[in-house]
C-alpha atoms as a PDB file:
ATOM      1  CA  MET A   1      66.987 -39.912-152.332  1.00  0.00           C
ATOM      2  CA  ALA A   2      64.433 -38.067-150.266  1.00  0.00           C
ATOM      3  CA  MET A   3      60.783 -38.297-151.351  1.00  0.00           C
ATOM      4  CA  PRO A   4      59.136 -34.955-152.211  1.00  0.00           C
ATOM      5  CA  LEU A   5      56.829 -33.474-149.616  1.00  0.00           C
ATOM      6  CA  GLN A   6      53.765 -33.672-151.908  1.00  0.00           C
ATOM      7  CA  GLU A   7      54.358 -37.365-152.546  1.00  0.00           C
ATOM      8  CA  MET A   8      54.705 -37.985-148.835  1.00  0.00           C
ATOM      9  CA  VAL A   9      51.349 -36.306-148.195  1.00  0.00           C
ATOM     10  CA  THR A  10      49.462 -37.817-151.160  1.00  0.00           C
ATOM     11  CA  SER A  11      51.100 -41.200-151.329  1.00  0.00           C
ATOM     12  CA  PRO A  12      48.491 -43.963-151.079  1.00  0.00           C
ATOM     13  CA  ASP A  13      50.985 -46.149-149.277  1.00  0.00           C
ATOM     14  CA  THR A  14      51.162 -43.751-146.350  1.00  0.00           C
ATOM     15  CA  ASP A  15      48.983 -44.940-143.480  1.00  0.00           C
ATOM     16  CA  PRO A  16      46.823 -42.264-141.827  1.00  0.00           C
ATOM     17  CA  ILE A  17      47.868 -41.237-138.383  1.00  0.00           C
ATOM     18  CA  GLU A  18      45.680 -42.971-135.833  1.00  0.00           C
ATOM     19  CA  THR A  19      44.203 -40.653-133.207  1.00  0.00           C
ATOM     20  CA  PRO A  20      42.165 -41.635-130.147  1.00  0.00           C
ATOM     21  CA  ASP A  21      38.453 -41.546-130.699  1.00  0.00           C
ATOM     22  CA  ALA A  22      36.960 -38.283-129.554  1.00  0.00           C
ATOM     23  CA  LYS A  23      34.329 -38.586-126.910  1.00  0.00           C
ATOM     24  CA  GLN A  24      30.850 -37.917-128.110  1.00  0.00           C
ATOM     25  CA  VAL A  25      29.492 -34.734-126.616  1.00  0.00           C
ATOM     26  CA  ALA A  26      25.847 -35.213-125.703  1.00  0.00           C
ATOM     27  CA  GLY A  27      23.671 -32.129-125.600  1.00  0.00           C
ATOM     28  CA  ARG A  28      21.954 -31.347-122.318  1.00  0.00           C
ATOM     29  CA  SER A  29      18.883 -29.251-121.674  1.00  0.00           C
ATOM     30  CA  PRO A  30      18.932 -26.381-119.134  1.00  0.00           C
ATOM     31  CA  THR A  31      16.880 -28.531-116.764  1.00  0.00           C
ATOM     32  CA  GLN A  32      19.429 -31.362-116.930  1.00  0.00           C
ATOM     33  CA  ILE A  33      22.238 -28.899-116.284  1.00  0.00           C
ATOM     34  CA  ALA A  34      20.363 -27.469-113.284  1.00  0.00           C
ATOM     35  CA  LEU A  35      19.704 -30.925-111.833  1.00  0.00           C
ATOM     36  CA  GLU A  36      23.376 -31.794-112.265  1.00  0.00           C
ATOM     37  CA  ARG A  37      24.283 -28.662-110.326  1.00  0.00           C
ATOM     38  CA  LEU A  38      21.879 -29.598-107.559  1.00  0.00           C
ATOM     39  CA  ARG A  39      23.348 -33.084-107.276  1.00  0.00           C
ATOM     40  CA  HIS A  40      26.793 -31.585-106.661  1.00  0.00           C
ATOM     41  CA  ASP A  41      25.518 -28.961-104.197  1.00  0.00           C
ATOM     42  CA  LYS A  42      25.980 -30.306-100.655  1.00  0.00           C
ATOM     43  CA  VAL A  43      23.671 -27.708 -99.135  1.00  0.00           C
ATOM     44  CA  ALA A  44      20.919 -28.650-101.588  1.00  0.00           C
ATOM     45  CA  VAL A  45      21.369 -32.363-100.933  1.00  0.00           C
ATOM     46  CA  VAL A  46      21.226 -31.962 -97.143  1.00  0.00           C
ATOM     47  CA  SER A  47      18.256 -29.582 -97.338  1.00  0.00           C
ATOM     48  CA  ALA A  48      16.398 -31.919 -99.686  1.00  0.00           C
ATOM     49  CA  ALA A  49      17.063 -34.841 -97.330  1.00  0.00           C
ATOM     50  CA  ILE A  50      15.580 -32.888 -94.404  1.00  0.00           C
ATOM     51  CA  VAL A  51      12.526 -31.930 -96.438  1.00  0.00           C
ATOM     52  CA  VAL A  52      12.019 -35.527 -97.577  1.00  0.00           C
ATOM     53  CA  LEU A  53      12.329 -36.669 -93.940  1.00  0.00           C
ATOM     54  CA  PHE A  54       9.611 -34.249 -92.831  1.00  0.00           C
ATOM     55  CA  VAL A  55       7.368 -35.300 -95.706  1.00  0.00           C
ATOM     56  CA  ALA A  56       7.872 -38.963 -94.807  1.00  0.00           C
ATOM     57  CA  LEU A  57       7.094 -38.268 -91.146  1.00  0.00           C
ATOM     58  CA  ALA A  58       3.912 -36.436 -92.134  1.00  0.00           C
ATOM     59  CA  ILE A  59       2.727 -39.115 -94.557  1.00  0.00           C
ATOM     60  CA  LEU A  60       3.569 -41.981 -92.190  1.00  0.00           C
ATOM     61  CA  ALA A  61       2.202 -40.283 -89.075  1.00  0.00           C
ATOM     62  CA  PRO A  62      -0.434 -43.007 -88.420  1.00  0.00           C
ATOM     63  CA  VAL A  63       2.152 -45.762 -88.907  1.00  0.00           C
ATOM     64  CA  ILE A  64       4.738 -44.101 -86.654  1.00  0.00           C
ATOM     65  CA  THR A  65       2.272 -43.420 -83.861  1.00  0.00           C
ATOM     66  CA  SER A  66       1.094 -47.024 -84.041  1.00  0.00           C
ATOM     67  CA  LEU A  67       4.670 -48.362 -83.896  1.00  0.00           C
ATOM     68  CA  VAL A  68       5.630 -46.134 -80.970  1.00  0.00           C
ATOM     69  CA  GLY A  69       2.378 -46.914 -79.176  1.00  0.00           C
ATOM     70  CA  VAL A  70       0.933 -43.409 -78.945  1.00  0.00           C
ATOM     71  CA  GLU A  71      -2.427 -42.102 -80.075  1.00  0.00           C
ATOM     72  CA  LEU A  72      -3.907 -38.764 -81.034  1.00  0.00           C
ATOM     73  CA  ASN A  73      -6.427 -37.172 -78.636  1.00  0.00           C
ATOM     74  CA  ALA A  74      -6.378 -40.245 -76.405  1.00  0.00           C
ATOM     75  CA  GLY A  75      -5.471 -38.520 -73.141  1.00  0.00           C
ATOM     76  CA  ASP A  76      -7.541 -38.781 -69.965  1.00  0.00           C
ATOM     77  CA  PRO A  77      -7.145 -35.714 -67.711  1.00  0.00           C
ATOM     78  CA  SER A  78      -8.170 -37.684 -64.621  1.00  0.00           C
ATOM     79  CA  GLU A  79      -5.487 -40.351 -65.155  1.00  0.00           C
ATOM     80  CA  ASP A  80      -2.729 -38.681 -67.190  1.00  0.00           C
ATOM     81  CA  THR A  81      -2.461 -35.371 -65.298  1.00  0.00           C
ATOM     82  CA  ASP A  82      -1.996 -34.519 -61.627  1.00  0.00           C
ATOM     83  CA  ALA A  83      -3.760 -31.967 -59.458  1.00  0.00           C
ATOM     84  CA  PHE A  84      -1.766 -29.169 -61.133  1.00  0.00           C
ATOM     85  CA  ASN A  85      -2.751 -30.390 -64.638  1.00  0.00           C
ATOM     86  CA  PHE A  86       0.822 -31.538 -65.350  1.00  0.00           C
ATOM     87  CA  PRO A  87       1.617 -34.965 -66.865  1.00  0.00           C
ATOM     88  CA  VAL A  88       2.103 -37.841 -64.464  1.00  0.00           C
ATOM     89  CA  ILE A  89       4.696 -39.451 -66.786  1.00  0.00           C
ATOM     90  CA  GLY A  90       7.528 -37.979 -68.805  1.00  0.00           C
ATOM     91  CA  PRO A  91       8.718 -34.355 -68.684  1.00  0.00           C
ATOM     92  CA  PRO A  92       8.754 -31.936 -67.021  1.00  0.00           C
ATOM     93  CA  ASP A  93       8.508 -33.658 -63.616  1.00  0.00           C
ATOM     94  CA  ASN A  94       9.529 -37.186 -64.635  1.00  0.00           C
ATOM     95  CA  GLY A  95      12.208 -38.829 -66.752  1.00  0.00           C
ATOM     96  CA  PHE A  96      12.056 -39.924 -70.369  1.00  0.00           C
ATOM     97  CA  THR A  97       9.664 -42.742 -71.229  1.00  0.00           C
ATOM     98  CA  TRP A  98       8.770 -44.423 -74.506  1.00  0.00           C
ATOM     99  CA  GLU A  99       5.127 -44.244 -73.463  1.00  0.00           C
ATOM    100  CA  ALA A 100       5.307 -40.525 -74.277  1.00  0.00           C
ATOM    101  CA  PRO A 101       8.618 -39.609 -75.983  1.00  0.00           C
ATOM    102  CA  LEU A 102       7.786 -35.875 -76.066  1.00  0.00           C
ATOM    103  CA  GLY A 103       5.610 -35.930 -72.973  1.00  0.00           C
ATOM    104  CA  LEU A 104       1.910 -35.300 -72.496  1.00  0.00           C
ATOM    105  CA  GLU A 105      -0.074 -32.130 -72.972  1.00  0.00           C
ATOM    106  CA  PRO A 106      -0.906 -30.365 -69.692  1.00  0.00           C
ATOM    107  CA  GLY A 107      -4.590 -30.327 -68.911  1.00  0.00           C
ATOM    108  CA  THR A 108      -5.648 -32.988 -71.429  1.00  0.00           C
ATOM    109  CA  GLY A 109      -2.976 -35.690 -71.229  1.00  0.00           C
ATOM    110  CA  ASP A 110      -2.831 -35.985 -75.033  1.00  0.00           C
ATOM    111  CA  ASP A 111       0.435 -37.318 -76.458  1.00  0.00           C
ATOM    112  CA  LEU A 112       2.631 -34.543 -77.840  1.00  0.00           C
ATOM    113  CA  LEU A 113       4.523 -36.776 -80.296  1.00  0.00           C
ATOM    114  CA  ALA A 114       1.275 -37.660 -82.026  1.00  0.00           C
ATOM    115  CA  GLU A 115       0.296 -33.985 -82.115  1.00  0.00           C
ATOM    116  CA  TRP A 116       3.725 -33.075 -83.513  1.00  0.00           C
ATOM    117  CA  LEU A 117       3.510 -35.643 -86.315  1.00  0.00           C
ATOM    118  CA  TYR A 118      -0.046 -34.770 -87.286  1.00  0.00           C
ATOM    119  CA  GLY A 119       0.809 -31.074 -86.972  1.00  0.00           C
ATOM    120  CA  ALA A 120       3.561 -31.591 -89.567  1.00  0.00           C
ATOM    121  CA  ARG A 121       1.015 -33.272 -91.826  1.00  0.00           C
ATOM    122  CA  THR A 122      -1.393 -30.342 -91.466  1.00  0.00           C
ATOM    123  CA  SER A 123       1.265 -27.740 -92.221  1.00  0.00           C
ATOM    124  CA  LEU A 124       2.603 -29.571 -95.280  1.00  0.00           C
ATOM    125  CA  GLU A 125      -0.895 -30.286 -96.624  1.00  0.00           C
ATOM    126  CA  VAL A 126      -1.930 -26.649 -96.403  1.00  0.00           C
ATOM    127  CA  ALA A 127       1.380 -25.382 -97.800  1.00  0.00           C
ATOM    128  CA  SER A 128       1.471 -27.871-100.695  1.00  0.00           C
ATOM    129  CA  ILE A 129      -2.123 -27.325-101.838  1.00  0.00           C
ATOM    130  CA  SER A 130      -1.860 -23.538-101.519  1.00  0.00           C
ATOM    131  CA  THR A 131       1.396 -23.511-103.471  1.00  0.00           C
ATOM    132  CA  LEU A 132      -0.085 -25.661-106.245  1.00  0.00           C
ATOM    133  CA  LEU A 133      -3.203 -23.507-106.637  1.00  0.00           C
ATOM    134  CA  SER A 134      -1.386 -20.175-106.469  1.00  0.00           C
ATOM    135  CA  THR A 135       1.168 -21.422-109.010  1.00  0.00           C
ATOM    136  CA  ILE A 136      -1.526 -22.510-111.468  1.00  0.00           C
ATOM    137  CA  ILE A 137      -3.378 -19.192-111.179  1.00  0.00           C
ATOM    138  CA  GLY A 138      -0.232 -17.074-111.338  1.00  0.00           C
ATOM    139  CA  VAL A 139       1.254 -18.904-114.323  1.00  0.00           C
ATOM    140  CA  ALA A 140      -2.009 -18.900-116.293  1.00  0.00           C
ATOM    141  CA  LEU A 141      -2.742 -15.195-115.790  1.00  0.00           C
ATOM    142  CA  GLY A 142       0.907 -14.229-116.279  1.00  0.00           C
ATOM    143  CA  LEU A 143       1.076 -16.101-119.584  1.00  0.00           C
ATOM    144  CA  VAL A 144      -2.104 -14.516-120.906  1.00  0.00           C
ATOM    145  CA  ALA A 145      -1.202 -11.011-119.728  1.00  0.00           C
ATOM    146  CA  GLY A 146       2.337 -11.145-121.110  1.00  0.00           C
ATOM    147  CA  PHE A 147       1.399 -12.606-124.493  1.00  0.00           C
ATOM    148  CA  SER A 148      -1.696 -10.534-125.143  1.00  0.00           C
ATOM    149  CA  ARG A 149      -1.571  -6.939-126.233  1.00  0.00           C
ATOM    150  CA  GLY A 150      -3.877  -4.033-125.513  1.00  0.00           C
ATOM    151  CA  TRP A 151      -6.891  -4.100-123.245  1.00  0.00           C
ATOM    152  CA  LEU A 152      -6.567  -7.697-121.951  1.00  0.00           C
ATOM    153  CA  ASP A 153      -3.068  -7.070-120.620  1.00  0.00           C
ATOM    154  CA  ARG A 154      -4.231  -3.838-118.970  1.00  0.00           C
ATOM    155  CA  VAL A 155      -7.222  -5.548-117.368  1.00  0.00           C
ATOM    156  CA  ILE A 156      -5.183  -8.427-115.932  1.00  0.00           C
ATOM    157  CA  SER A 157      -2.484  -6.028-114.697  1.00  0.00           C
ATOM    158  CA  PHE A 158      -5.163  -3.931-113.014  1.00  0.00           C
ATOM    159  CA  VAL A 159      -6.625  -7.014-111.326  1.00  0.00           C
ATOM    160  CA  ILE A 160      -3.153  -7.968-110.073  1.00  0.00           C
ATOM    161  CA  ASP A 161      -2.654  -4.485-108.617  1.00  0.00           C
ATOM    162  CA  VAL A 162      -6.077  -4.591-106.935  1.00  0.00           C
ATOM    163  CA  PHE A 163      -5.362  -7.948-105.312  1.00  0.00           C
ATOM    164  CA  LEU A 164      -1.954  -6.729-104.161  1.00  0.00           C
ATOM    165  CA  SER A 165      -3.672  -3.895-102.302  1.00  0.00           C
ATOM    166  CA  PHE A 166      -5.699  -6.291-100.096  1.00  0.00           C
ATOM    167  CA  PRO A 167      -4.168  -6.807 -96.623  1.00  0.00           C
ATOM    168  CA  PHE A 168      -3.559 -10.488 -95.941  1.00  0.00           C
ATOM    169  CA  LEU A 169      -4.043 -10.404 -92.169  1.00  0.00           C
ATOM    170  CA  LEU A 170      -7.248  -8.404 -92.410  1.00  0.00           C
ATOM    171  CA  GLY A 171      -8.730 -10.946 -94.801  1.00  0.00           C
ATOM    172  CA  ALA A 172      -7.825 -13.823 -92.482  1.00  0.00           C
ATOM    173  CA  LEU A 173      -9.280 -12.001 -89.476  1.00  0.00           C
ATOM    174  CA  ALA A 174     -12.516 -11.356 -91.373  1.00  0.00           C
ATOM    175  CA  MET A 175     -12.840 -14.975 -92.512  1.00  0.00           C
ATOM    176  CA  ALA A 176     -12.535 -16.557 -89.042  1.00  0.00           C
ATOM    177  CA  PRO A 177     -15.798 -15.224 -87.468  1.00  0.00           C
ATOM    178  CA  ILE A 178     -17.721 -15.840 -90.695  1.00  0.00           C
ATOM    179  CA  LEU A 179     -16.800 -19.519 -90.694  1.00  0.00           C
ATOM    180  CA  LEU A 180     -17.441 -19.802 -86.965  1.00  0.00           C
ATOM    181  CA  ASN A 181     -20.931 -18.306 -87.233  1.00  0.00           C
ATOM    182  CA  ARG A 182     -21.807 -20.384 -90.281  1.00  0.00           C
ATOM    183  CA  PHE A 183     -20.440 -23.793 -89.207  1.00  0.00           C
ATOM    184  CA  GLY A 184     -19.997 -23.388 -85.441  1.00  0.00           C
ATOM    185  CA  GLY A 185     -22.731 -25.902 -84.616  1.00  0.00           C
ATOM    186  CA  ASP A 186     -21.067 -28.762 -86.488  1.00  0.00           C
ATOM    187  CA  PRO A 187     -17.432 -29.424 -85.460  1.00  0.00           C
ATOM    188  CA  GLU A 188     -16.744 -31.690 -88.449  1.00  0.00           C
ATOM    189  CA  ALA A 189     -18.143 -29.169 -90.930  1.00  0.00           C
ATOM    190  CA  LEU A 190     -16.247 -26.358 -89.172  1.00  0.00           C
ATOM    191  CA  ASP A 191     -12.989 -28.295 -89.463  1.00  0.00           C
ATOM    192  CA  LYS A 192     -13.448 -28.784 -93.222  1.00  0.00           C
ATOM    193  CA  ALA A 193     -14.514 -25.160 -93.677  1.00  0.00           C
ATOM    194  CA  GLN A 194     -11.447 -23.915 -91.812  1.00  0.00           C
ATOM    195  CA  PHE A 195      -9.152 -26.203 -93.784  1.00  0.00           C
ATOM    196  CA  PHE A 196     -10.418 -25.051 -97.171  1.00  0.00           C
ATOM    197  CA  GLY A 197     -10.815 -21.504 -95.893  1.00  0.00           C
ATOM    198  CA  ILE A 198      -7.160 -21.192 -94.915  1.00  0.00           C
ATOM    199  CA  ILE A 199      -6.130 -22.629 -98.283  1.00  0.00           C
ATOM    200  CA  PHE A 200      -8.384 -20.099-100.002  1.00  0.00           C
ATOM    201  CA  ILE A 201      -6.914 -17.193 -98.036  1.00  0.00           C
ATOM    202  CA  LEU A 202      -3.327 -18.244 -98.663  1.00  0.00           C
ATOM    203  CA  THR A 203      -3.996 -18.775-102.374  1.00  0.00           C
ATOM    204  CA  PHE A 204      -6.028 -15.570-102.692  1.00  0.00           C
ATOM    205  CA  PHE A 205      -3.151 -13.412-101.431  1.00  0.00           C
ATOM    206  CA  SER A 206      -0.183 -15.186-103.019  1.00  0.00           C
ATOM    207  CA  TRP A 207      -0.608 -15.683-106.779  1.00  0.00           C
ATOM    208  CA  MET A 208       0.024 -12.046-107.781  1.00  0.00           C
ATOM    209  CA  GLY A 209       3.809 -12.042-107.389  1.00  0.00           C
ATOM    210  CA  LEU A 210       4.261 -15.068-109.644  1.00  0.00           C
ATOM    211  CA  ALA A 211       1.807 -13.630-112.179  1.00  0.00           C
ATOM    212  CA  ARG A 212       3.863 -10.438-112.403  1.00  0.00           C
ATOM    213  CA  LEU A 213       7.089 -12.417-112.749  1.00  0.00           C
ATOM    214  CA  ILE A 214       5.704 -14.645-115.515  1.00  0.00           C
ATOM    215  CA  ARG A 215       4.229 -11.634-117.326  1.00  0.00           C
ATOM    216  CA  GLY A 216       7.619  -9.929-117.374  1.00  0.00           C
ATOM    217  CA  GLU A 217       9.345 -13.053-118.682  1.00  0.00           C
ATOM    218  CA  VAL A 218       6.732 -13.535-121.402  1.00  0.00           C
ATOM    219  CA  LEU A 219       7.046  -9.892-122.494  1.00  0.00           C
ATOM    220  CA  SER A 220      10.684 -10.667-123.291  1.00  0.00           C
ATOM    221  CA  LEU A 221      10.158 -14.121-124.783  1.00  0.00           C
ATOM    222  CA  ARG A 222       7.307 -13.191-127.118  1.00  0.00           C
ATOM    223  CA  GLU A 223       9.692 -11.132-129.259  1.00  0.00           C
ATOM    224  CA  ARG A 224      12.155 -14.004-129.687  1.00  0.00           C
ATOM    225  CA  GLU A 225      12.643 -15.642-133.065  1.00  0.00           C
ATOM    226  CA  PHE A 226      11.112 -19.021-132.207  1.00  0.00           C
ATOM    227  CA  VAL A 227       7.882 -17.394-131.011  1.00  0.00           C
ATOM    228  CA  GLN A 228       7.685 -15.093-134.038  1.00  0.00           C
ATOM    229  CA  ALA A 229       8.312 -18.050-136.361  1.00  0.00           C
ATOM    230  CA  ALA A 230       5.546 -20.079-134.685  1.00  0.00           C
ATOM    231  CA  ARG A 231       3.094 -17.223-135.101  1.00  0.00           C
ATOM    232  CA  VAL A 232       4.065 -16.645-138.737  1.00  0.00           C
ATOM    233  CA  ILE A 233       3.393 -20.257-139.737  1.00  0.00           C
ATOM    234  CA  GLY A 234      -0.013 -20.117-138.033  1.00  0.00           C
ATOM    235  CA  VAL A 235       0.546 -22.083-134.836  1.00  0.00           C
ATOM    236  CA  PRO A 236      -2.506 -21.637-132.552  1.00  0.00           C
ATOM    237  CA  THR A 237      -2.085 -19.263-129.628  1.00  0.00           C
ATOM    238  CA  ARG A 238      -2.738 -22.005-127.082  1.00  0.00           C
ATOM    239  CA  THR A 239       0.052 -24.106-128.569  1.00  0.00           C
ATOM    240  CA  VAL A 240       2.431 -21.154-128.542  1.00  0.00           C
ATOM    241  CA  LEU A 241       1.666 -20.484-124.881  1.00  0.00           C
ATOM    242  CA  PHE A 242       1.986 -24.039-123.607  1.00  0.00           C
ATOM    243  CA  LYS A 243       4.449 -25.593-126.080  1.00  0.00           C
ATOM    244  CA  GLU A 244       6.790 -22.698-126.840  1.00  0.00           C
ATOM    245  CA  LEU A 245       6.656 -20.252-123.909  1.00  0.00           C
ATOM    246  CA  LEU A 246       5.849 -22.407-120.867  1.00  0.00           C
ATOM    247  CA  PRO A 247       8.893 -24.735-121.191  1.00  0.00           C
ATOM    248  CA  ASN A 248      11.116 -21.642-121.087  1.00  0.00           C
ATOM    249  CA  LEU A 249       9.512 -20.538-117.805  1.00  0.00           C
ATOM    250  CA  ILE A 250      10.332 -23.673-115.811  1.00  0.00           C
ATOM    251  CA  ALA A 251      13.178 -22.004-113.924  1.00  0.00           C
ATOM    252  CA  PRO A 252      11.205 -19.091-112.372  1.00  0.00           C
ATOM    253  CA  ILE A 253       8.247 -21.378-111.666  1.00  0.00           C
ATOM    254  CA  VAL A 254      10.397 -23.944-109.833  1.00  0.00           C
ATOM    255  CA  VAL A 255      12.096 -21.192-107.828  1.00  0.00           C
ATOM    256  CA  SER A 256       8.733 -19.651-106.915  1.00  0.00           C
ATOM    257  CA  ILE A 257       7.402 -23.012-105.736  1.00  0.00           C
ATOM    258  CA  SER A 258      10.481 -23.716-103.620  1.00  0.00           C
ATOM    259  CA  LEU A 259      10.155 -20.340-101.894  1.00  0.00           C
ATOM    260  CA  SER A 260       6.356 -20.393-101.499  1.00  0.00           C
ATOM    261  CA  VAL A 261       6.172 -23.631 -99.506  1.00  0.00           C
ATOM    262  CA  PRO A 262       8.172 -22.356 -96.483  1.00  0.00           C
ATOM    263  CA  ALA A 263       6.254 -19.076 -96.565  1.00  0.00           C
ATOM    264  CA  PHE A 264       2.948 -20.955 -96.391  1.00  0.00           C
ATOM    265  CA  VAL A 265       4.191 -23.230 -93.593  1.00  0.00           C
ATOM    266  CA  THR A 266       5.054 -20.148 -91.543  1.00  0.00           C
ATOM    267  CA  ALA A 267       1.807 -18.391 -92.459  1.00  0.00           C
ATOM    268  CA  GLU A 268      -0.343 -21.370 -91.445  1.00  0.00           C
ATOM    269  CA  ALA A 269       1.450 -21.672 -88.113  1.00  0.00           C
ATOM    270  CA  GLY A 270       1.144 -17.935 -87.535  1.00  0.00           C
ATOM    271  CA  LEU A 271      -2.592 -17.891 -88.231  1.00  0.00           C
ATOM    272  CA  ALA A 272      -3.126 -20.903 -85.959  1.00  0.00           C
ATOM    273  CA  TYR A 273      -1.111 -19.139 -83.248  1.00  0.00           C
ATOM    274  CA  LEU A 274      -3.423 -16.123 -83.576  1.00  0.00           C
ATOM    275  CA  GLY A 275      -6.450 -18.394 -83.234  1.00  0.00           C
ATOM    276  CA  ILE A 276      -7.799 -17.711 -86.734  1.00  0.00           C
ATOM    277  CA  GLY A 277      -6.443 -20.791 -88.472  1.00  0.00           C
ATOM    278  CA  LEU A 278      -7.243 -24.467 -88.078  1.00  0.00           C
ATOM    279  CA  THR A 279      -8.739 -25.376 -84.726  1.00  0.00           C
ATOM    280  CA  GLY A 280     -10.260 -28.805 -85.342  1.00  0.00           C
ATOM    281  CA  ARG A 281      -7.047 -30.689 -86.141  1.00  0.00           C
ATOM    282  CA  PRO A 282      -3.484 -30.719 -84.746  1.00  0.00           C
ATOM    283  CA  SER A 283      -1.274 -27.883 -85.897  1.00  0.00           C
ATOM    284  CA  TRP A 284       2.162 -26.649 -84.917  1.00  0.00           C
ATOM    285  CA  GLY A 285       0.768 -23.141 -84.555  1.00  0.00           C
ATOM    286  CA  GLN A 286      -1.956 -24.314 -82.184  1.00  0.00           C
ATOM    287  CA  THR A 287       0.587 -26.181 -80.068  1.00  0.00           C
ATOM    288  CA  ILE A 288       2.789 -23.083 -79.844  1.00  0.00           C
ATOM    289  CA  ASN A 289      -0.227 -20.989 -78.863  1.00  0.00           C
ATOM    290  CA  GLN A 290      -1.192 -23.415 -76.104  1.00  0.00           C
ATOM    291  CA  ALA A 291       2.396 -23.970 -74.939  1.00  0.00           C
ATOM    292  CA  SER A 292       3.365 -20.299 -74.668  1.00  0.00           C
ATOM    293  CA  GLY A 293       1.979 -20.149 -71.134  1.00  0.00           C
ATOM    294  CA  TYR A 294       4.100 -23.131 -70.002  1.00  0.00           C
ATOM    295  CA  PHE A 295       7.471 -21.879 -71.246  1.00  0.00           C
ATOM    296  CA  ASP A 296       9.084 -21.660 -67.794  1.00  0.00           C
ATOM    297  CA  GLU A 297       7.783 -24.953 -66.400  1.00  0.00           C
ATOM    298  CA  TYR A 298       7.588 -27.133 -69.528  1.00  0.00           C
ATOM    299  CA  ALA A 299       9.972 -25.842 -72.212  1.00  0.00           C
ATOM    300  CA  LEU A 300       9.807 -29.019 -74.320  1.00  0.00           C
ATOM    301  CA  TYR A 301       6.092 -28.455 -74.850  1.00  0.00           C
ATOM    302  CA  LEU A 302       6.914 -25.218 -76.694  1.00  0.00           C
ATOM    303  CA  TRP A 303      10.260 -26.030 -78.268  1.00  0.00           C
ATOM    304  CA  ALA A 304       9.198 -29.221 -80.064  1.00  0.00           C
ATOM    305  CA  PRO A 305       6.922 -27.478 -82.613  1.00  0.00           C
ATOM    306  CA  VAL A 306       9.169 -24.395 -82.763  1.00  0.00           C
ATOM    307  CA  ILE A 307      12.200 -26.498 -83.692  1.00  0.00           C
ATOM    308  CA  GLY A 308      10.106 -28.446 -86.205  1.00  0.00           C
ATOM    309  CA  ILE A 309       8.994 -25.250 -87.958  1.00  0.00           C
ATOM    310  CA  MET A 310      12.501 -23.800 -87.798  1.00  0.00           C
ATOM    311  CA  LEU A 311      14.188 -26.855 -89.346  1.00  0.00           C
ATOM    312  CA  LEU A 312      11.579 -27.280 -92.067  1.00  0.00           C
ATOM    313  CA  VAL A 313      11.529 -23.604 -93.042  1.00  0.00           C
ATOM    314  CA  ILE A 314      15.339 -23.300 -93.043  1.00  0.00           C
ATOM    315  CA  ALA A 315      15.683 -26.453 -95.142  1.00  0.00           C
ATOM    316  CA  LEU A 316      13.048 -25.269 -97.622  1.00  0.00           C
ATOM    317  CA  ASN A 317      14.615 -21.824 -97.905  1.00  0.00           C
ATOM    318  CA  LEU A 318      18.121 -23.198 -98.420  1.00  0.00           C
ATOM    319  CA  LEU A 319      16.760 -25.633-100.981  1.00  0.00           C
ATOM    320  CA  GLY A 320      14.956 -22.773-102.688  1.00  0.00           C
ATOM    321  CA  ASP A 321      18.159 -20.719-102.838  1.00  0.00           C
ATOM    322  CA  SER A 322      20.032 -23.690-104.310  1.00  0.00           C
ATOM    323  CA  VAL A 323      17.301 -24.267-106.886  1.00  0.00           C
ATOM    324  CA  ARG A 324      17.362 -20.598-107.837  1.00  0.00           C
ATOM    325  CA  ASP A 325      21.142 -20.673-108.296  1.00  0.00           C
ATOM    326  CA  ALA A 326      21.012 -23.944-110.226  1.00  0.00           C
ATOM    327  CA  PHE A 327      18.396 -22.729-112.685  1.00  0.00           C
ATOM    328  CA  ASP A 328      20.014 -19.311-113.134  1.00  0.00           C
ATOM    329  CA  PRO A 329      22.216 -19.510-116.268  1.00  0.00           C
ATOM    330  CA  LYS A 330      24.249 -16.519-115.066  1.00  0.00           C
ATOM    331  CA  THR A 331      25.369 -18.305-111.913  1.00  0.00           C
ATOM    332  CA  ARG A 332      28.910 -19.670-111.962  1.00  0.00           C
ATOM    333  CA  ARG A 333      29.742 -22.458-109.534  1.00  0.00           C
END
């Protein structure tokens, strides 16, 4: 006789149906999700590898020059150049040699590989420090302006608008003769003044865009429930800014950093090319400025720093685009 359905369901003798264990689903933060996207993005991986290579070349410039057997500013015009001021070894009149893999600089006989490596170091130093300072200033002022209400927000917004009205190139042109007149008698002091001066100019004219972006994000976030709850229970303003709001601004900050570095690399090279940047240390812009007159006879002299800037800037921009897409929650990949 058939057993009733209820007895079949409730019978203690009936063994429960065994099912495979469900996999535990671990929660992931937006940053972890973005990093996972980047790891699976081939363009981002290749671009990051190129950037890391350039950073390694810049950091290890003294080691590489020592291994290859070249030195910076060690040329002797009387021995390393001919009567026409062209190198006596290597291009453009001679074949490749490990004594000077990129050739020698016309007129001075300085090794161009050493100048290229130290020029990369200069560009990355200036770009990295300027990006760090402009990010700190922009994030701090953007947080305060977006979270505050009334006169403080209006004052900071007015300051941002005033700084945006200053022309970048005019400020750089005005700074160059001031530094030259003040420190022209001491080459070492002039070199330091130019280095910090170019960082100051780049930082001075670059923090406003990030400040506006952060202010707009904070204007939206400050009305969210978690911020209102923190304020209701009496959490200090500083804690709300740096513990509640700042972690939610990582995405725009990371994107801004990734896009600022290539812009500063190009800006530093452009100012050096115009003769108002760094003059006391090797720079890609200086090399391009000096090599522009030898384009027909000695193309490698010009193309080596141009290709270096091009590869680094393209890699940084592609990496910045990938970072932006990875941290954008609306992006589907």
